Structure formats: structure tokens, C-alpha cells
Amino acid sequence: MKFEPLALLLQTVSMATAAHYQDWQPGSCDLSGAESYLEHFGIGPGLPKLDVRYGHFTTKEYVVHGSDTTFAKGKDELYEPPKVTWKQTGKYTESKYVILMVDADSNLENGSSAWKPHIHWLKVNAQKTSTTGHDIFPYRPPVPKSGKHRYIVVLFEQLKPGVLSPYMKGREQWDLKGFSESNKEAMRPVSYNFFTVDADLRAEDEILALGFGDDEDDFPTQ
């Protein structure tokens, strides 16, 4: 199976923030916990922060800020896919993208290789927002059995036909390195973000993003 080809230029990711987040500046959040992991797969370093938000279907919205965002296991907002958005500008406004989400610490539970994560989400042919496109692996909520796990969301720009079939057989010990290497000419990493979920953290004690919003002005401009 191949995802749809598109030869496109690297897009600028929207870093818009609402008034509620005036104390946070684009690029100020710490993404090193994901960057060092992704480098093993030839992704990055130095990519910009991807706009990822949970709870967009409720009155509260949680903006993901890398290492500054930790959710308690079982938080209701995590059971629905996050809203991932990016700005498509320039000549190729019909660009299509791949969205990938993996658990970088799943090996702590199953004893597998640290470089074969559990895949929680894989979507292709998305445009501007994660509400578009086609799910190869539908979203699976992050529910670690123990400890604190990093969940990394990566956005890739689709350049030409890519290879999917060998990587559709299961979620456990997913071959991220093989997927990345097989498609290095077919897609280009654009941006990423990550958050942690702590299985030992009580919901009332969880560390959230730097605030939450409840009006349309808090959503990124498309």
C-alpha cells in the first residue's frame, strides 16, 4: 500500500498562541526529551514545535508544551485524538501530510527494544489539520501501565509515493526505523511535539500545559 504522492516544499508550522499563554513564547518549551529519541531514526534535530491540543471537544483545551506537559493516566481528554494543526502557505497550498504518534517508553513495560516503540496513531493525506486524512492506525489513547511515558507526535510532508504495507502488521514493537528509512525519499519531517503521561500521578495533582482556553480565539489561525 502506498500513500498519495505530492512533491511539495517544507511548510511553516503555525506557532500561534492565545492571550491565555502570553507567558509562553514559541520555541521556549523543552523538546529535548523527544529530539534525542527521534535523532536515532534520522528525524531532526532542530525541527519546530508542532501545535498539538487535547480537550478541543470540551470546555477546556490543553496545549502541549513538550516536557512542561504531563497528564495523569486516565484523563478523559486523552481518550479522543488531539487536534493537530499546521499552517500551509506558499505555492503548494494543497500539501498533504503524515501524522505519527508513538510511545517512546513502551519498552519499559514489554522488554522490547527501545527503538521499536508502540504506535498509537498513523494518519496519511492530512491537510492543515488532523481532522482530515485517512487513518492507517486509528488513534489509541495513551494509557501506560506504570511509570512516566513520552508520547511523541511527528508531522511529515508527503513528497512522492511511500511504502506502508510492511508496517501495517501490528502496533507493538513497531519498526519506526524501517518506516523512516524506507520512506526517506517519500516524506520529510516538518515538526514535532511530545507530552508525558504518568501512570502514578493522581488526576488532581497532574501538571498541565500553561493554561487552558474556552473560546474560539484560543485556536490557531488556519
C-alpha atoms as a PDB file:
ATOM      1  CA  MET A   1       0.000   0.000   0.000  1.00  0.00           C
ATOM      2  CA  LYS A   2       1.256   3.474  -0.846  1.00  0.00           C
ATOM      3  CA  PHE A   3       0.153   6.868   0.374  1.00  0.00           C
ATOM      4  CA  GLU A   4      -0.681   9.608  -2.110  1.00  0.00           C
ATOM      5  CA  PRO A   5       2.292  11.410  -3.733  1.00  0.00           C
ATOM      6  CA  LEU A   6       2.843  15.138  -3.527  1.00  0.00           C
ATOM      7  CA  ALA A   7       6.082  16.976  -4.344  1.00  0.00           C
ATOM      8  CA  LEU A   8       5.935  19.945  -2.023  1.00  0.00           C
ATOM      9  CA  LEU A   9       8.071  22.497  -0.229  1.00  0.00           C
ATOM     10  CA  LEU A  10       8.632  22.466   3.527  1.00  0.00           C
ATOM     11  CA  GLN A  11       5.754  24.203   5.236  1.00  0.00           C
ATOM     12  CA  THR A  12       5.889  26.663   8.108  1.00  0.00           C
ATOM     13  CA  VAL A  13       4.166  25.318  11.213  1.00  0.00           C
ATOM     14  CA  SER A  14       1.801  27.666  12.983  1.00  0.00           C
ATOM     15  CA  MET A  15       3.111  28.718  16.372  1.00  0.00           C
ATOM     16  CA  ALA A  16       0.140  30.908  17.240  1.00  0.00           C
ATOM     17  CA  THR A  17      -0.656  31.282  20.918  1.00  0.00           C
ATOM     18  CA  ALA A  18      -3.682  32.751  22.671  1.00  0.00           C
ATOM     19  CA  ALA A  19      -3.782  35.559  25.201  1.00  0.00           C
ATOM     20  CA  HIS A  20      -4.019  32.913  27.902  1.00  0.00           C
ATOM     21  CA  TYR A  21      -0.465  31.844  27.036  1.00  0.00           C
ATOM     22  CA  GLN A  22       1.313  35.180  26.893  1.00  0.00           C
ATOM     23  CA  ASP A  23       3.951  33.953  29.341  1.00  0.00           C
ATOM     24  CA  TRP A  24       4.970  31.252  26.870  1.00  0.00           C
ATOM     25  CA  GLN A  25       6.923  32.161  23.734  1.00  0.00           C
ATOM     26  CA  PRO A  26       7.261  29.984  20.607  1.00  0.00           C
ATOM     27  CA  GLY A  27      10.353  27.834  20.847  1.00  0.00           C
ATOM     28  CA  SER A  28      10.656  28.220  24.613  1.00  0.00           C
ATOM     29  CA  CYS A  29       9.293  24.783  25.521  1.00  0.00           C
ATOM     30  CA  ASP A  30      11.786  21.970  26.023  1.00  0.00           C
ATOM     31  CA  LEU A  31      11.546  19.344  23.270  1.00  0.00           C
ATOM     32  CA  SER A  32      14.906  17.712  24.001  1.00  0.00           C
ATOM     33  CA  GLY A  33      13.227  14.657  25.525  1.00  0.00           C
ATOM     34  CA  ALA A  34      11.803  13.844  22.117  1.00  0.00           C
ATOM     35  CA  GLU A  35      14.564  15.273  19.934  1.00  0.00           C
ATOM     36  CA  SER A  36      17.249  12.934  21.253  1.00  0.00           C
ATOM     37  CA  TYR A  37      14.973   9.948  20.664  1.00  0.00           C
ATOM     38  CA  LEU A  38      13.940  10.943  17.147  1.00  0.00           C
ATOM     39  CA  GLU A  39      17.540  11.550  16.030  1.00  0.00           C
ATOM     40  CA  HIS A  40      18.101   7.790  16.197  1.00  0.00           C
ATOM     41  CA  PHE A  41      15.619   7.475  13.340  1.00  0.00           C
ATOM     42  CA  GLY A  42      17.060  10.295  11.268  1.00  0.00           C
ATOM     43  CA  ILE A  43      14.290  12.709  12.267  1.00  0.00           C
ATOM     44  CA  GLY A  44      15.552  16.189  13.127  1.00  0.00           C
ATOM     45  CA  PRO A  45      17.222  17.719  15.027  1.00  0.00           C
ATOM     46  CA  GLY A  46      16.153  21.349  15.171  1.00  0.00           C
ATOM     47  CA  LEU A  47      12.603  20.951  13.893  1.00  0.00           C
ATOM     48  CA  PRO A  48       9.984  23.450  15.107  1.00  0.00           C
ATOM     49  CA  LYS A  49       7.251  22.718  17.603  1.00  0.00           C
ATOM     50  CA  LEU A  50       4.040  21.184  16.270  1.00  0.00           C
ATOM     51  CA  ASP A  51       0.705  22.561  17.520  1.00  0.00           C
ATOM     52  CA  VAL A  52      -0.977  19.733  19.464  1.00  0.00           C
ATOM     53  CA  ARG A  53      -4.046  20.329  21.656  1.00  0.00           C
ATOM     54  CA  TYR A  54      -6.158  17.995  23.759  1.00  0.00           C
ATOM     55  CA  GLY A  55      -9.674  18.616  25.003  1.00  0.00           C
ATOM     56  CA  HIS A  56     -10.804  20.653  21.999  1.00  0.00           C
ATOM     57  CA  PHE A  57     -14.183  18.858  22.222  1.00  0.00           C
ATOM     58  CA  THR A  58     -14.737  20.058  25.811  1.00  0.00           C
ATOM     59  CA  THR A  59     -14.770  23.430  27.561  1.00  0.00           C
ATOM     60  CA  LYS A  60     -11.087  23.043  28.444  1.00  0.00           C
ATOM     61  CA  GLU A  61      -8.244  22.931  25.976  1.00  0.00           C
ATOM     62  CA  TYR A  62      -4.774  21.684  26.905  1.00  0.00           C
ATOM     63  CA  VAL A  63      -1.926  22.904  24.715  1.00  0.00           C
ATOM     64  CA  VAL A  64       1.018  20.507  24.577  1.00  0.00           C
ATOM     65  CA  HIS A  65       4.352  22.134  25.531  1.00  0.00           C
ATOM     66  CA  GLY A  66       6.845  19.280  25.448  1.00  0.00           C
ATOM     67  CA  SER A  67       8.398  18.414  28.802  1.00  0.00           C
ATOM     68  CA  ASP A  68       6.163  21.002  30.502  1.00  0.00           C
ATOM     69  CA  THR A  69       3.056  18.901  29.809  1.00  0.00           C
ATOM     70  CA  THR A  70       2.319  15.841  31.925  1.00  0.00           C
ATOM     71  CA  PHE A  71      -1.108  14.241  32.137  1.00  0.00           C
ATOM     72  CA  ALA A  72      -2.380  11.795  34.719  1.00  0.00           C
ATOM     73  CA  LYS A  73      -3.237   8.339  33.398  1.00  0.00           C
ATOM     74  CA  GLY A  74      -6.914   8.023  32.582  1.00  0.00           C
ATOM     75  CA  LYS A  75      -7.585  11.701  31.979  1.00  0.00           C
ATOM     76  CA  ASP A  76     -10.801  11.960  29.963  1.00  0.00           C
ATOM     77  CA  GLU A  77      -9.372  14.327  27.355  1.00  0.00           C
ATOM     78  CA  LEU A  78      -6.775  11.755  26.294  1.00  0.00           C
ATOM     79  CA  TYR A  79      -9.398   9.311  25.042  1.00  0.00           C
ATOM     80  CA  GLU A  80     -10.159  11.432  21.988  1.00  0.00           C
ATOM     81  CA  PRO A  81      -7.496  12.240  19.358  1.00  0.00           C
ATOM     82  CA  PRO A  82      -5.700  15.541  19.872  1.00  0.00           C
ATOM     83  CA  LYS A  83      -6.226  18.316  17.385  1.00  0.00           C
ATOM     84  CA  VAL A  84      -3.017  18.738  15.410  1.00  0.00           C
ATOM     85  CA  THR A  85      -2.780  21.813  13.188  1.00  0.00           C
ATOM     86  CA  TRP A  86      -0.205  23.444  10.955  1.00  0.00           C
ATOM     87  CA  LYS A  87      -0.182  26.335   8.526  1.00  0.00           C
ATOM     88  CA  GLN A  88       0.123  25.598   4.824  1.00  0.00           C
ATOM     89  CA  THR A  89       1.446  28.575   2.912  1.00  0.00           C
ATOM     90  CA  GLY A  90       3.275  29.384  -0.278  1.00  0.00           C
ATOM     91  CA  LYS A  91       2.933  27.827  -3.709  1.00  0.00           C
ATOM     92  CA  TYR A  92       1.792  24.340  -2.685  1.00  0.00           C
ATOM     93  CA  THR A  93      -1.277  25.030  -0.584  1.00  0.00           C
ATOM     94  CA  GLU A  94      -2.705  21.565  -1.299  1.00  0.00           C
ATOM     95  CA  SER A  95       0.109  19.789   0.540  1.00  0.00           C
ATOM     96  CA  LYS A  96      -0.699  16.515   2.288  1.00  0.00           C
ATOM     97  CA  TYR A  97       0.947  15.182   5.415  1.00  0.00           C
ATOM     98  CA  VAL A  98       1.558  12.155   7.606  1.00  0.00           C
ATOM     99  CA  ILE A  99       0.845  12.335  11.348  1.00  0.00           C
ATOM    100  CA  LEU A 100       2.629   9.801  13.542  1.00  0.00           C
ATOM    101  CA  MET A 101       2.318   9.257  17.308  1.00  0.00           C
ATOM    102  CA  VAL A 102       4.428   6.735  19.243  1.00  0.00           C
ATOM    103  CA  ASP A 103       5.147   5.765  22.838  1.00  0.00           C
ATOM    104  CA  ALA A 104       8.905   6.176  23.196  1.00  0.00           C
ATOM    105  CA  ASP A 105       8.964   4.284  26.510  1.00  0.00           C
ATOM    106  CA  SER A 106       6.798   1.244  25.771  1.00  0.00           C
ATOM    107  CA  ASN A 107       9.904  -0.939  26.102  1.00  0.00           C
ATOM    108  CA  LEU A 108       9.824  -0.283  29.865  1.00  0.00           C
ATOM    109  CA  GLU A 109       6.716  -2.475  30.023  1.00  0.00           C
ATOM    110  CA  ASN A 110       7.257  -5.168  27.420  1.00  0.00           C
ATOM    111  CA  GLY A 111      11.043  -5.528  27.477  1.00  0.00           C
ATOM    112  CA  SER A 112      11.338  -4.800  23.751  1.00  0.00           C
ATOM    113  CA  SER A 113      13.959  -2.692  22.072  1.00  0.00           C
ATOM    114  CA  ALA A 114      13.855   0.985  22.999  1.00  0.00           C
ATOM    115  CA  TRP A 115      13.960   1.688  19.262  1.00  0.00           C
ATOM    116  CA  LYS A 116      10.773  -0.243  18.477  1.00  0.00           C
ATOM    117  CA  PRO A 117       8.002   1.814  20.078  1.00  0.00           C
ATOM    118  CA  HIS A 118       4.293   1.167  20.380  1.00  0.00           C
ATOM    119  CA  ILE A 119       2.474   3.088  17.649  1.00  0.00           C
ATOM    120  CA  HIS A 120      -0.617   4.972  18.793  1.00  0.00           C
ATOM    121  CA  TRP A 121      -1.617   6.781  15.628  1.00  0.00           C
ATOM    122  CA  LEU A 122      -0.714   6.893  11.940  1.00  0.00           C
ATOM    123  CA  LYS A 123      -2.646   9.118   9.547  1.00  0.00           C
ATOM    124  CA  VAL A 124      -1.820   9.942   5.918  1.00  0.00           C
ATOM    125  CA  ASN A 125      -3.064  12.514   3.398  1.00  0.00           C
ATOM    126  CA  ALA A 126      -3.992  15.079   6.066  1.00  0.00           C
ATOM    127  CA  GLN A 127      -4.290  18.752   5.147  1.00  0.00           C
ATOM    128  CA  LYS A 128      -3.908  21.614   7.646  1.00  0.00           C
ATOM    129  CA  THR A 129      -5.492  19.645  10.498  1.00  0.00           C
ATOM    130  CA  SER A 130      -5.685  16.124  11.896  1.00  0.00           C
ATOM    131  CA  THR A 131      -9.461  16.084  11.346  1.00  0.00           C
ATOM    132  CA  THR A 132      -8.688  15.350   7.673  1.00  0.00           C
ATOM    133  CA  GLY A 133      -6.835  12.451   6.070  1.00  0.00           C
ATOM    134  CA  HIS A 134      -7.002   8.662   6.376  1.00  0.00           C
ATOM    135  CA  ASP A 135      -6.139   6.610   9.459  1.00  0.00           C
ATOM    136  CA  ILE A 136      -3.788   3.682   8.872  1.00  0.00           C
ATOM    137  CA  PHE A 137      -3.636   3.036  12.619  1.00  0.00           C
ATOM    138  CA  PRO A 138      -6.606   4.769  14.301  1.00  0.00           C
ATOM    139  CA  TYR A 139      -5.805   6.796  17.401  1.00  0.00           C
ATOM    140  CA  ARG A 140      -5.228   4.728  20.549  1.00  0.00           C
ATOM    141  CA  PRO A 141      -5.264   6.609  23.893  1.00  0.00           C
ATOM    142  CA  PRO A 142      -2.004   6.724  25.866  1.00  0.00           C
ATOM    143  CA  VAL A 143      -2.531   4.511  28.925  1.00  0.00           C
ATOM    144  CA  PRO A 144       0.839   3.410  30.356  1.00  0.00           C
ATOM    145  CA  LYS A 145       0.739   0.534  32.848  1.00  0.00           C
ATOM    146  CA  SER A 146       3.380   2.065  35.093  1.00  0.00           C
ATOM    147  CA  GLY A 147       5.763   4.999  35.337  1.00  0.00           C
ATOM    148  CA  LYS A 148       6.002   8.024  33.065  1.00  0.00           C
ATOM    149  CA  HIS A 149       5.979   7.596  29.293  1.00  0.00           C
ATOM    150  CA  ARG A 150       6.825  10.047  26.492  1.00  0.00           C
ATOM    151  CA  TYR A 151       4.312  10.284  23.650  1.00  0.00           C
ATOM    152  CA  ILE A 152       5.785  11.876  20.543  1.00  0.00           C
ATOM    153  CA  VAL A 153       3.750  13.343  17.675  1.00  0.00           C
ATOM    154  CA  VAL A 154       5.591  13.941  14.390  1.00  0.00           C
ATOM    155  CA  LEU A 155       4.374  15.656  11.225  1.00  0.00           C
ATOM    156  CA  PHE A 156       5.825  14.639   7.850  1.00  0.00           C
ATOM    157  CA  GLU A 157       5.311  16.301   4.477  1.00  0.00           C
ATOM    158  CA  GLN A 158       4.445  13.822   1.717  1.00  0.00           C
ATOM    159  CA  LEU A 159       6.719  14.154  -1.314  1.00  0.00           C
ATOM    160  CA  LYS A 160       6.036  11.114  -3.501  1.00  0.00           C
ATOM    161  CA  PRO A 161       4.614   7.550  -3.232  1.00  0.00           C
ATOM    162  CA  GLY A 162       5.597   5.955   0.075  1.00  0.00           C
ATOM    163  CA  VAL A 163       5.692   2.427   1.486  1.00  0.00           C
ATOM    164  CA  LEU A 164       3.122   1.375   4.092  1.00  0.00           C
ATOM    165  CA  SER A 165       2.349  -2.342   3.637  1.00  0.00           C
ATOM    166  CA  PRO A 166       5.300  -3.782   5.625  1.00  0.00           C
ATOM    167  CA  TYR A 167       4.423  -1.531   8.577  1.00  0.00           C
ATOM    168  CA  MET A 168       0.716  -2.343   8.975  1.00  0.00           C
ATOM    169  CA  LYS A 169       1.034  -5.693  10.775  1.00  0.00           C
ATOM    170  CA  GLY A 170       0.788  -4.610  14.400  1.00  0.00           C
ATOM    171  CA  ARG A 171       1.277  -1.825  16.904  1.00  0.00           C
ATOM    172  CA  GLU A 172       3.686  -3.467  19.348  1.00  0.00           C
ATOM    173  CA  GLN A 173       7.419  -3.136  18.692  1.00  0.00           C
ATOM    174  CA  TRP A 174       6.671  -1.073  15.605  1.00  0.00           C
ATOM    175  CA  ASP A 175       9.559  -0.653  13.188  1.00  0.00           C
ATOM    176  CA  LEU A 176       9.876   3.138  13.217  1.00  0.00           C
ATOM    177  CA  LYS A 177      13.435   2.997  11.923  1.00  0.00           C
ATOM    178  CA  GLY A 178      12.437   0.811   8.983  1.00  0.00           C
ATOM    179  CA  PHE A 179       9.457   3.042   8.221  1.00  0.00           C
ATOM    180  CA  SER A 180      11.628   6.157   8.338  1.00  0.00           C
ATOM    181  CA  GLU A 181      14.403   4.692   6.176  1.00  0.00           C
ATOM    182  CA  SER A 182      12.026   3.135   3.626  1.00  0.00           C
ATOM    183  CA  ASN A 183      10.290   6.472   3.167  1.00  0.00           C
ATOM    184  CA  LYS A 184      13.202   8.893   3.451  1.00  0.00           C
ATOM    185  CA  GLU A 185      12.664   9.976  -0.164  1.00  0.00           C
ATOM    186  CA  ALA A 186       8.878   9.906   0.108  1.00  0.00           C
ATOM    187  CA  MET A 187       8.328  12.154   3.111  1.00  0.00           C
ATOM    188  CA  ARG A 188      10.106  14.886   5.025  1.00  0.00           C
ATOM    189  CA  PRO A 189       9.855  15.563   8.774  1.00  0.00           C
ATOM    190  CA  VAL A 190       8.396  19.020   9.341  1.00  0.00           C
ATOM    191  CA  SER A 191       7.766  19.421  13.073  1.00  0.00           C
ATOM    192  CA  TYR A 192       7.074  17.508  16.257  1.00  0.00           C
ATOM    193  CA  ASN A 193       5.935  17.789  19.845  1.00  0.00           C
ATOM    194  CA  PHE A 194       5.597  15.494  22.833  1.00  0.00           C
ATOM    195  CA  PHE A 195       3.970  15.119  26.226  1.00  0.00           C
ATOM    196  CA  THR A 196       4.188  12.641  29.068  1.00  0.00           C
ATOM    197  CA  VAL A 197       1.571  10.536  30.822  1.00  0.00           C
ATOM    198  CA  ASP A 198       2.308   9.429  34.384  1.00  0.00           C
ATOM    199  CA  ALA A 199       0.585   6.234  35.496  1.00  0.00           C
ATOM    200  CA  ASP A 200       1.362   7.028  39.130  1.00  0.00           C
ATOM    201  CA  LEU A 201       0.005  10.573  39.095  1.00  0.00           C
ATOM    202  CA  ARG A 202      -3.399  11.369  40.534  1.00  0.00           C
ATOM    203  CA  ALA A 203      -5.640  13.428  38.266  1.00  0.00           C
ATOM    204  CA  GLU A 204      -5.952  16.212  40.839  1.00  0.00           C
ATOM    205  CA  ASP A 205      -2.152  16.531  41.038  1.00  0.00           C
ATOM    206  CA  GLU A 206      -1.339  16.442  37.360  1.00  0.00           C
ATOM    207  CA  ILE A 207       0.894  19.043  35.722  1.00  0.00           C
ATOM    208  CA  LEU A 208      -0.924  20.620  32.804  1.00  0.00           C
ATOM    209  CA  ALA A 209       0.085  22.838  29.927  1.00  0.00           C
ATOM    210  CA  LEU A 210       0.449  26.507  30.790  1.00  0.00           C
ATOM    211  CA  GLY A 211      -3.307  27.078  30.855  1.00  0.00           C
ATOM    212  CA  PHE A 212      -6.471  26.274  29.012  1.00  0.00           C
ATOM    213  CA  GLY A 213      -8.876  28.179  26.830  1.00  0.00           C
ATOM    214  CA  ASP A 214     -12.595  28.036  26.241  1.00  0.00           C
ATOM    215  CA  ASP A 215     -13.233  30.344  23.307  1.00  0.00           C
ATOM    216  CA  GLU A 216     -12.585  30.312  19.593  1.00  0.00           C
ATOM    217  CA  ASP A 217      -9.766  32.853  19.865  1.00  0.00           C
ATOM    218  CA  ASP A 218      -7.656  30.205  21.587  1.00  0.00           C
ATOM    219  CA  PHE A 219      -7.493  28.064  18.461  1.00  0.00           C
ATOM    220  CA  PRO A 220      -4.633  28.568  15.980  1.00  0.00           C
ATOM    221  CA  THR A 221      -5.354  30.614  12.888  1.00  0.00           C
ATOM    222  CA  GLN A 222      -5.754  28.437   9.798  1.00  0.00           C
END
